[in-house]
C-alpha atoms as a PDB file:
ATOM      1  CA  MET A   1      90.967 -65.453 -45.925  1.00  0.00           C
ATOM      2  CA  ARG A   2      91.304 -63.910 -49.587  1.00  0.00           C
ATOM      3  CA  ASN A   3      89.515 -65.020 -52.642  1.00  0.00           C
ATOM      4  CA  ILE A   4      91.776 -66.731 -54.682  1.00  0.00           C
ATOM      5  CA  ASP A   5      89.374 -66.916 -57.656  1.00  0.00           C
ATOM      6  CA  SER A   6      88.905 -63.268 -57.788  1.00  0.00           C
ATOM      7  CA  ASN A   7      90.325 -61.048 -61.027  1.00  0.00           C
ATOM      8  CA  SER A   8      89.829 -57.990 -59.089  1.00  0.00           C
ATOM      9  CA  VAL A   9      93.101 -55.726 -58.973  1.00  0.00           C
ATOM     10  CA  TYR A  10      93.647 -53.515 -55.957  1.00  0.00           C
ATOM     11  CA  VAL A  11      95.644 -50.639 -57.416  1.00  0.00           C
ATOM     12  CA  VAL A  12      97.919 -48.456 -54.969  1.00  0.00           C
ATOM     13  CA  SER A  13      99.855 -45.701 -55.342  1.00  0.00           C
ATOM     14  CA  LEU A  14     103.802 -45.923 -54.377  1.00  0.00           C
ATOM     15  CA  SER A  15     105.695 -43.026 -53.009  1.00  0.00           C
ATOM     16  CA  THR A  16     109.150 -42.254 -54.521  1.00  0.00           C
ATOM     17  CA  SER A  17     110.119 -40.786 -50.936  1.00  0.00           C
ATOM     18  CA  SER A  18     112.217 -42.547 -48.654  1.00  0.00           C
ATOM     19  CA  ILE A  19     110.247 -44.435 -45.712  1.00  0.00           C
ATOM     20  CA  PRO A  20     110.746 -42.403 -42.443  1.00  0.00           C
ATOM     21  CA  GLY A  21     112.775 -44.129 -39.839  1.00  0.00           C
ATOM     22  CA  TRP A  22     114.411 -46.798 -42.061  1.00  0.00           C
ATOM     23  CA  LEU A  23     118.313 -47.333 -41.602  1.00  0.00           C
ATOM     24  CA  ALA A  24     118.946 -46.990 -45.132  1.00  0.00           C
ATOM     25  CA  ALA A  25     117.031 -44.836 -47.630  1.00  0.00           C
ATOM     26  CA  VAL A  26     114.429 -47.069 -48.874  1.00  0.00           C
ATOM     27  CA  THR A  27     111.035 -46.407 -50.608  1.00  0.00           C
ATOM     28  CA  SER A  28     108.027 -48.359 -51.024  1.00  0.00           C
ATOM     29  CA  ILE A  29     109.000 -48.698 -54.783  1.00  0.00           C
ATOM     30  CA  ASP A  30     112.130 -50.514 -53.559  1.00  0.00           C
ATOM     31  CA  LEU A  31     110.105 -53.140 -51.242  1.00  0.00           C
ATOM     32  CA  VAL A  32     108.133 -54.072 -54.355  1.00  0.00           C
ATOM     33  CA  GLU A  33     110.705 -53.808 -56.898  1.00  0.00           C
ATOM     34  CA  LYS A  34     114.071 -54.898 -54.992  1.00  0.00           C
ATOM     35  CA  HIS A  35     112.253 -57.270 -52.425  1.00  0.00           C
ATOM     36  CA  GLY A  36     109.209 -58.330 -54.381  1.00  0.00           C
ATOM     37  CA  ARG A  37     106.856 -57.594 -51.186  1.00  0.00           C
ATOM     38  CA  TYR A  38     104.310 -55.168 -50.163  1.00  0.00           C
ATOM     39  CA  PHE A  39     102.374 -54.611 -46.816  1.00  0.00           C
ATOM     40  CA  PHE A  40      99.306 -52.471 -45.767  1.00  0.00           C
ATOM     41  CA  PRO A  41      97.522 -52.681 -42.137  1.00  0.00           C
ATOM     42  CA  GLY A  42      95.387 -55.320 -41.496  1.00  0.00           C
ATOM     43  CA  THR A  43      92.773 -53.241 -39.622  1.00  0.00           C
ATOM     44  CA  GLY A  44      90.292 -53.041 -42.577  1.00  0.00           C
ATOM     45  CA  LYS A  45      89.945 -49.273 -41.893  1.00  0.00           C
ATOM     46  CA  ASN A  46      90.381 -47.575 -45.287  1.00  0.00           C
ATOM     47  CA  TRP A  47      92.089 -50.908 -46.561  1.00  0.00           C
ATOM     48  CA  PRO A  48      90.945 -54.394 -47.577  1.00  0.00           C
ATOM     49  CA  LYS A  49      90.093 -56.620 -44.779  1.00  0.00           C
ATOM     50  CA  ALA A  50      91.924 -59.554 -46.456  1.00  0.00           C
ATOM     51  CA  PRO A  51      94.804 -59.509 -49.066  1.00  0.00           C
ATOM     52  CA  PRO A  52      93.828 -59.247 -52.489  1.00  0.00           C
ATOM     53  CA  ASN A  53      94.538 -61.976 -55.058  1.00  0.00           C
ATOM     54  CA  TYR A  54      96.373 -59.493 -57.363  1.00  0.00           C
ATOM     55  CA  VAL A  55      97.797 -55.964 -56.380  1.00  0.00           C
ATOM     56  CA  ALA A  56      98.889 -53.223 -58.743  1.00  0.00           C
ATOM     57  CA  PHE A  57     101.391 -50.499 -58.246  1.00  0.00           C
ATOM     58  CA  ARG A  58     101.306 -46.765 -59.967  1.00  0.00           C
ATOM     59  CA  TYR A  59     103.952 -44.324 -59.507  1.00  0.00           C
ATOM     60  CA  TYR A  60     105.295 -41.473 -61.996  1.00  0.00           C
ATOM     61  CA  GLY A  61     101.600 -41.133 -62.929  1.00  0.00           C
ATOM     62  CA  ARG A  62     101.045 -44.527 -64.515  1.00  0.00           C
ATOM     63  CA  LEU A  63     100.771 -48.254 -63.945  1.00  0.00           C
ATOM     64  CA  GLN A  64     104.055 -49.955 -63.637  1.00  0.00           C
ATOM     65  CA  SER A  65     103.048 -53.783 -62.716  1.00  0.00           C
ATOM     66  CA  ILE A  66     100.667 -55.927 -61.539  1.00  0.00           C
ATOM     67  CA  HIS A  67     101.336 -59.008 -59.334  1.00  0.00           C
ATOM     68  CA  HIS A  68      99.532 -61.973 -58.049  1.00  0.00           C
ATOM     69  CA  VAL A  69      99.905 -62.220 -54.487  1.00  0.00           C
ATOM     70  CA  ASP A  70     101.691 -65.717 -53.919  1.00  0.00           C
ATOM     71  CA  GLU A  71     101.205 -65.737 -50.269  1.00  0.00           C
ATOM     72  CA  TYR A  72     101.127 -63.424 -47.310  1.00  0.00           C
ATOM     73  CA  THR A  73     101.524 -63.704 -43.558  1.00  0.00           C
ATOM     74  CA  ILE A  74     100.270 -61.241 -40.782  1.00  0.00           C
ATOM     75  CA  ALA A  75     103.173 -59.343 -39.222  1.00  0.00           C
ATOM     76  CA  GLN A  76     103.781 -56.176 -36.956  1.00  0.00           C
ATOM     77  CA  ASP A  77     107.758 -56.043 -36.967  1.00  0.00           C
ATOM     78  CA  MET A  78     109.027 -55.755 -40.372  1.00  0.00           C
ATOM     79  CA  ARG A  79     112.593 -56.161 -39.437  1.00  0.00           C
ATOM     80  CA  PRO A  80     112.990 -59.846 -40.172  1.00  0.00           C
ATOM     81  CA  PHE A  81     111.604 -59.220 -43.438  1.00  0.00           C
ATOM     82  CA  PHE A  82     113.459 -56.066 -44.526  1.00  0.00           C
ATOM     83  CA  PRO A  83     116.965 -55.270 -43.879  1.00  0.00           C
ATOM     84  CA  GLY A  84     117.440 -52.028 -41.974  1.00  0.00           C
ATOM     85  CA  ALA A  85     113.785 -51.652 -41.349  1.00  0.00           C
ATOM     86  CA  PRO A  86     112.906 -49.959 -37.959  1.00  0.00           C
ATOM     87  CA  ASP A  87     111.230 -51.555 -34.938  1.00  0.00           C
ATOM     88  CA  THR A  88     107.624 -51.771 -35.716  1.00  0.00           C
ATOM     89  CA  SER A  89     106.536 -54.199 -33.229  1.00  0.00           C
ATOM     90  CA  ASP A  90     104.070 -51.483 -31.891  1.00  0.00           C
ATOM     91  CA  TRP A  91     102.503 -51.381 -35.228  1.00  0.00           C
ATOM     92  CA  ASP A  92      98.955 -52.816 -35.627  1.00  0.00           C
ATOM     93  CA  PRO A  93      99.246 -56.380 -37.492  1.00  0.00           C
ATOM     94  CA  HIS A  94      99.717 -55.766 -41.023  1.00  0.00           C
ATOM     95  CA  PHE A  95      99.422 -58.148 -44.232  1.00  0.00           C
ATOM     96  CA  LEU A  96     102.624 -58.656 -45.582  1.00  0.00           C
ATOM     97  CA  MET A  97     102.328 -60.054 -49.013  1.00  0.00           C
ATOM     98  CA  THR A  98     105.031 -62.002 -51.176  1.00  0.00           C
ATOM     99  CA  LEU A  99     104.279 -61.098 -54.920  1.00  0.00           C
ATOM    100  CA  GLY A 100     104.540 -63.009 -57.940  1.00  0.00           C
ATOM    101  CA  PRO A 101     106.416 -61.856 -61.073  1.00  0.00           C
ATOM    102  CA  ALA A 102     105.412 -58.555 -62.551  1.00  0.00           C
ATOM    103  CA  ILE A 103     102.950 -58.433 -65.261  1.00  0.00           C
ATOM    104  CA  ARG A 104     103.579 -55.327 -67.335  1.00  0.00           C
ATOM    105  CA  PRO A 105     100.931 -53.526 -69.788  1.00  0.00           C
ATOM    106  CA  ASP A 106     102.232 -53.603 -73.238  1.00  0.00           C
ATOM    107  CA  HIS A 107     101.290 -49.941 -73.513  1.00  0.00           C
ATOM    108  CA  GLU A 108     101.509 -47.007 -71.188  1.00  0.00           C
ATOM    109  CA  VAL A 109      98.311 -46.833 -68.738  1.00  0.00           C
ATOM    110  CA  ARG A 110      98.073 -43.492 -67.100  1.00  0.00           C
ATOM    111  CA  THR A 111      96.438 -42.693 -63.917  1.00  0.00           C
ATOM    112  CA  GLY A 112      93.707 -40.466 -65.445  1.00  0.00           C
ATOM    113  CA  ARG A 113      91.282 -38.068 -63.949  1.00  0.00           C
ATOM    114  CA  GLY A 114      89.762 -38.612 -60.502  1.00  0.00           C
ATOM    115  CA  ILE A 115      92.336 -40.697 -58.933  1.00  0.00           C
ATOM    116  CA  VAL A 116      94.415 -38.414 -56.774  1.00  0.00           C
ATOM    117  CA  ARG A 117      97.796 -38.664 -54.839  1.00  0.00           C
ATOM    118  CA  SER A 118      97.284 -41.959 -52.813  1.00  0.00           C
ATOM    119  CA  ALA A 119      93.939 -42.912 -53.857  1.00  0.00           C
ATOM    120  CA  ARG A 120      93.527 -46.819 -53.925  1.00  0.00           C
ATOM    121  CA  VAL A 121      90.941 -48.425 -56.540  1.00  0.00           C
ATOM    122  CA  TRP A 122      89.498 -51.940 -57.432  1.00  0.00           C
ATOM    123  CA  VAL A 123      89.729 -52.724 -61.117  1.00  0.00           C
ATOM    124  CA  ASP A 124      89.037 -55.976 -63.016  1.00  0.00           C
ATOM    125  CA  ILE A 125      92.440 -57.313 -64.505  1.00  0.00           C
ATOM    126  CA  ASP A 126      91.242 -57.488 -68.138  1.00  0.00           C
ATOM    127  CA  LEU A 127      89.921 -53.904 -67.943  1.00  0.00           C
ATOM    128  CA  LEU A 128      93.492 -52.644 -66.162  1.00  0.00           C
ATOM    129  CA  LEU A 129      95.396 -54.405 -69.157  1.00  0.00           C
ATOM    130  CA  THR A 130      93.447 -52.890 -71.897  1.00  0.00           C
ATOM    131  CA  ALA A 131      92.448 -49.397 -70.788  1.00  0.00           C
ATOM    132  CA  VAL A 132      94.207 -46.288 -71.662  1.00  0.00           C
ATOM    133  CA  THR A 133      93.891 -45.019 -67.782  1.00  0.00           C
ATOM    134  CA  ILE A 134      93.691 -46.653 -64.455  1.00  0.00           C
ATOM    135  CA  SER A 135      90.463 -44.212 -64.011  1.00  0.00           C
ATOM    136  CA  GLU A 136      88.975 -45.362 -67.397  1.00  0.00           C
ATOM    137  CA  ALA A 137      89.320 -49.041 -66.131  1.00  0.00           C
ATOM    138  CA  ALA A 138      87.817 -48.245 -62.799  1.00  0.00           C
ATOM    139  CA  ASP A 139      84.830 -46.682 -64.407  1.00  0.00           C
ATOM    140  CA  GLN A 140      84.277 -49.639 -66.531  1.00  0.00           C
ATOM    141  CA  THR A 141      84.625 -51.965 -63.718  1.00  0.00           C
ATOM    142  CA  ARG A 142      82.211 -50.336 -61.474  1.00  0.00           C
ATOM    143  CA  ARG A 143      79.603 -50.345 -64.555  1.00  0.00           C
ATOM    144  CA  ARG A 144      80.299 -54.337 -64.965  1.00  0.00           C
ATOM    145  CA  HIS A 145      79.663 -54.914 -61.294  1.00  0.00           C
ATOM    146  CA  ALA A 146      76.695 -52.499 -61.302  1.00  0.00           C
ATOM    147  CA  GLY A 147      74.540 -54.615 -63.438  1.00  0.00           C
END
């Protein structure tokens, strides 16, 4: 069960590479931008144990968008949700989220130092929208939550 009162944003990196095994060339960016959906393993191992209230996406070295998670389902087979998806029925259960409209920052928010490759971070939404970098917002969030 997710915390619908949370203003924390789970910031993830999206790949510009095609997802292996899909019938058409589809990237994780396409899943978000064209289908308004995103999914991640529901096992909790290195991923949240419940879907976040907000999820943000970074690629090309900067924050691209923040989305409210309007709803989610637990799914293994992605074929009913995405045309051309491979048979994923042998996957562990995944949280498949339906995303609300994109919230786009009014200035460029670069990734910053210390957040490398596919690293994921939790950041308070107000800090993410006002910071110069995601790493700065993550540092401010940690300080805020520490006391």
